[in-house]
Amino acid sequence: MAKEFTEAQKRVLALVQGDLPDGPEPFAAVAREAGVSQEEVLELLQGMKDRGEIRRFGATLRHQKAGYGANAMVAWFVDDADVERIGAFMAGRPEISHCYYRVNCMDWPYNLYTMVHAKTIEECNDAVEELVRLSGVEEDDVLKSKKEFKKTSMKYF
């Protein structure tokens, strides 16, 4: 059964699904724009988090604007028994923005995927080499980005 939201809740959710306002109190700014109190905004979002309807709020790095002109998706083959440890290691690295564990299939053996960002292609290659050295995972395939087609948040309201 679909969750029913009040009109005020829909206004709040429409505002927080995009970029949050810059400033020391972004949820207060959302509340003002939605016509509700900051407490109502926080209660709505905390309740949705507690019920598992949302997992987290995260920042999106616009890497080109931040000076990171090179990136690569690295597909890694990690033994399933070691994927938690290696995944946690990769996820903790500052040059990695995304880390996913997926089921491998057919002739594609890779099951762990990371997005590596650097300022130059050379730095990106160096970062991947360091990840190989530090993690001990030697079976990988580096997929360099050629073009970005979309980078937006989902819109529900």
Protein backbone atom coordinates (compact mmCIF):
# COMPACT_ATOMS: atom_id res chain seq x y z
CA MET A 1 0.00 0.00 0.00
CA ALA A 2 1.37 3.39 -0.99
CA LYS A 3 2.23 5.84 1.77
CA GLU A 4 -0.11 8.83 1.97
CA PHE A 5 1.48 12.23 2.61
CA THR A 6 -0.17 15.50 3.55
CA GLU A 7 0.24 18.44 1.20
CA ALA A 8 2.71 20.00 3.67
CA GLN A 9 4.75 16.79 3.76
CA LYS A 10 4.78 16.66 -0.04
CA ARG A 11 6.12 20.24 -0.13
CA VAL A 12 8.89 19.29 2.31
CA LEU A 13 9.80 16.14 0.38
CA ALA A 14 9.82 18.03 -2.93
CA LEU A 15 12.31 20.48 -1.43
CA VAL A 16 14.66 17.94 0.17
CA GLN A 17 14.88 15.62 -2.83
CA GLY A 18 16.94 18.23 -4.66
CA ASP A 19 19.84 20.33 -3.46
CA LEU A 20 19.50 21.47 0.13
CA PRO A 21 19.93 25.20 0.72
CA ASP A 22 23.46 26.34 1.55
CA GLY A 23 23.88 27.64 5.06
CA PRO A 24 24.19 26.59 8.67
CA GLU A 25 20.54 25.49 9.02
CA PRO A 26 19.34 24.00 5.72
CA PHE A 27 16.30 22.32 7.29
CA ALA A 28 15.14 25.63 8.77
CA ALA A 29 15.29 27.11 5.26
CA VAL A 30 13.32 24.13 3.90
CA ALA A 31 10.74 24.61 6.65
CA ARG A 32 10.32 28.32 5.83
CA GLU A 33 9.87 27.59 2.14
CA ALA A 34 7.41 24.72 2.81
CA GLY A 35 5.43 26.77 5.33
CA VAL A 36 6.00 24.42 8.27
CA SER A 37 8.23 24.38 11.34
CA GLN A 38 11.77 23.03 11.32
CA GLU A 39 10.63 20.49 13.94
CA GLU A 40 7.98 19.18 11.50
CA VAL A 41 10.61 18.79 8.78
CA LEU A 42 12.98 16.92 11.06
CA GLU A 43 10.21 14.72 12.52
CA LEU A 44 9.02 13.77 9.01
CA LEU A 45 12.50 12.88 7.82
CA GLN A 46 13.52 11.08 11.02
CA GLY A 47 10.29 9.07 10.99
CA MET A 48 10.86 8.05 7.37
CA LYS A 49 14.41 7.06 8.22
CA ASP A 50 13.30 5.08 11.28
CA ARG A 51 10.77 3.18 9.13
CA GLY A 52 13.36 2.45 6.43
CA GLU A 53 11.58 4.61 3.84
CA ILE A 54 14.75 6.65 3.37
CA ARG A 55 18.23 5.51 4.25
CA ARG A 56 20.26 8.66 4.45
CA PHE A 57 20.97 12.14 3.20
CA GLY A 58 24.16 12.48 1.25
CA ALA A 59 26.12 15.16 -0.48
CA THR A 60 26.79 14.87 -4.19
CA LEU A 61 30.19 16.07 -5.28
CA ARG A 62 30.10 17.79 -8.64
CA HIS A 63 33.58 16.52 -9.27
CA GLN A 64 34.35 18.55 -12.41
CA LYS A 65 33.43 21.81 -10.63
CA ALA A 66 35.59 20.76 -7.66
CA GLY A 67 38.64 20.27 -9.90
CA TYR A 68 38.43 16.50 -10.33
CA GLY A 69 38.57 16.11 -14.10
CA ALA A 70 39.23 12.37 -14.25
CA ASN A 71 37.28 9.43 -12.96
CA ALA A 72 36.93 5.73 -13.56
CA MET A 73 34.60 2.96 -12.56
CA VAL A 74 36.78 0.10 -11.37
CA ALA A 75 35.29 -3.37 -11.44
CA TRP A 76 37.02 -5.71 -8.97
CA PHE A 77 36.84 -9.46 -8.52
CA VAL A 78 36.75 -10.12 -4.79
CA ASP A 79 36.21 -13.53 -3.22
CA ASP A 80 32.74 -13.49 -1.63
CA ALA A 81 34.23 -14.50 1.72
CA ASP A 82 36.35 -11.33 1.69
CA VAL A 83 33.93 -8.85 0.11
CA GLU A 84 32.83 -7.25 3.42
CA ARG A 85 36.41 -6.44 4.43
CA ILE A 86 37.50 -5.24 0.99
CA GLY A 87 34.25 -3.32 0.48
CA ALA A 88 34.72 -1.52 3.80
CA PHE A 89 38.32 -0.72 2.90
CA MET A 90 37.36 0.67 -0.53
CA ALA A 91 34.39 2.62 0.86
CA GLY A 92 36.71 4.29 3.38
CA ARG A 93 39.12 5.60 0.76
CA PRO A 94 38.93 9.36 0.06
CA GLU A 95 39.36 8.96 -3.71
CA ILE A 96 36.30 6.67 -3.92
CA SER A 97 32.83 8.21 -3.99
CA HIS A 98 30.76 5.07 -4.62
CA CYS A 99 31.29 1.43 -3.71
CA TYR A 100 28.83 -1.33 -4.65
CA TYR A 101 28.74 -5.11 -4.26
CA ARG A 102 26.86 -6.86 -7.05
CA VAL A 103 26.40 -10.42 -8.21
CA ASN A 104 28.77 -11.33 -11.01
CA CYS A 105 27.35 -12.99 -14.10
CA MET A 106 28.17 -14.86 -17.27
CA ASP A 107 31.70 -14.11 -18.46
CA TRP A 108 32.00 -10.97 -16.32
CA PRO A 109 33.64 -12.07 -13.04
CA TYR A 110 33.64 -8.72 -11.24
CA ASN A 111 31.47 -8.22 -8.16
CA LEU A 112 32.73 -5.06 -6.43
CA TYR A 113 32.52 -1.67 -8.14
CA THR A 114 34.14 1.60 -7.11
CA MET A 115 34.07 5.09 -8.59
CA VAL A 116 37.53 6.64 -8.35
CA HIS A 117 38.03 10.40 -8.77
CA ALA A 118 41.25 12.34 -9.38
CA LYS A 119 42.37 15.62 -10.89
CA THR A 120 44.11 14.05 -13.89
CA ILE A 121 44.07 10.73 -15.74
CA GLU A 122 47.58 10.04 -14.44
CA GLU A 123 46.46 10.60 -10.83
CA CYS A 124 43.45 8.38 -11.43
CA ASN A 125 45.69 5.59 -12.76
CA ASP A 126 48.04 6.05 -9.78
CA ALA A 127 45.09 5.85 -7.38
CA VAL A 128 43.94 2.56 -8.91
CA GLU A 129 47.47 1.16 -8.68
CA GLU A 130 47.62 2.17 -5.01
CA LEU A 131 44.25 0.53 -4.35
CA VAL A 132 45.53 -2.70 -5.91
CA ARG A 133 48.67 -2.54 -3.78
CA LEU A 134 46.88 -1.72 -0.52
CA SER A 135 43.90 -4.06 -0.94
CA GLY A 136 45.73 -7.00 -2.46
CA VAL A 137 42.93 -7.36 -5.03
CA GLU A 138 44.69 -7.81 -8.33
CA GLU A 139 41.87 -8.81 -10.66
CA ASP A 140 40.23 -5.62 -11.87
CA ASP A 141 39.05 -3.81 -14.96
CA VAL A 142 39.24 -0.01 -15.17
CA LEU A 143 36.35 1.53 -17.07
CA LYS A 144 37.15 5.15 -17.92
CA SER A 145 34.29 7.58 -18.39
CA LYS A 146 33.88 9.03 -21.86
CA LYS A 147 30.78 11.14 -21.29
CA GLU A 148 28.35 11.86 -18.45
CA PHE A 149 24.74 11.70 -19.58
CA LYS A 150 22.87 12.25 -16.33
CA LYS A 151 23.58 13.20 -12.76
CA THR A 152 20.41 14.21 -10.98
CA SER A 153 18.47 13.18 -7.92
CA MET A 154 15.22 11.29 -8.19
CA LYS A 155 12.08 13.44 -8.20
CA TYR A 156 9.06 11.97 -6.40
CA PHE A 157 6.98 15.10 -5.84
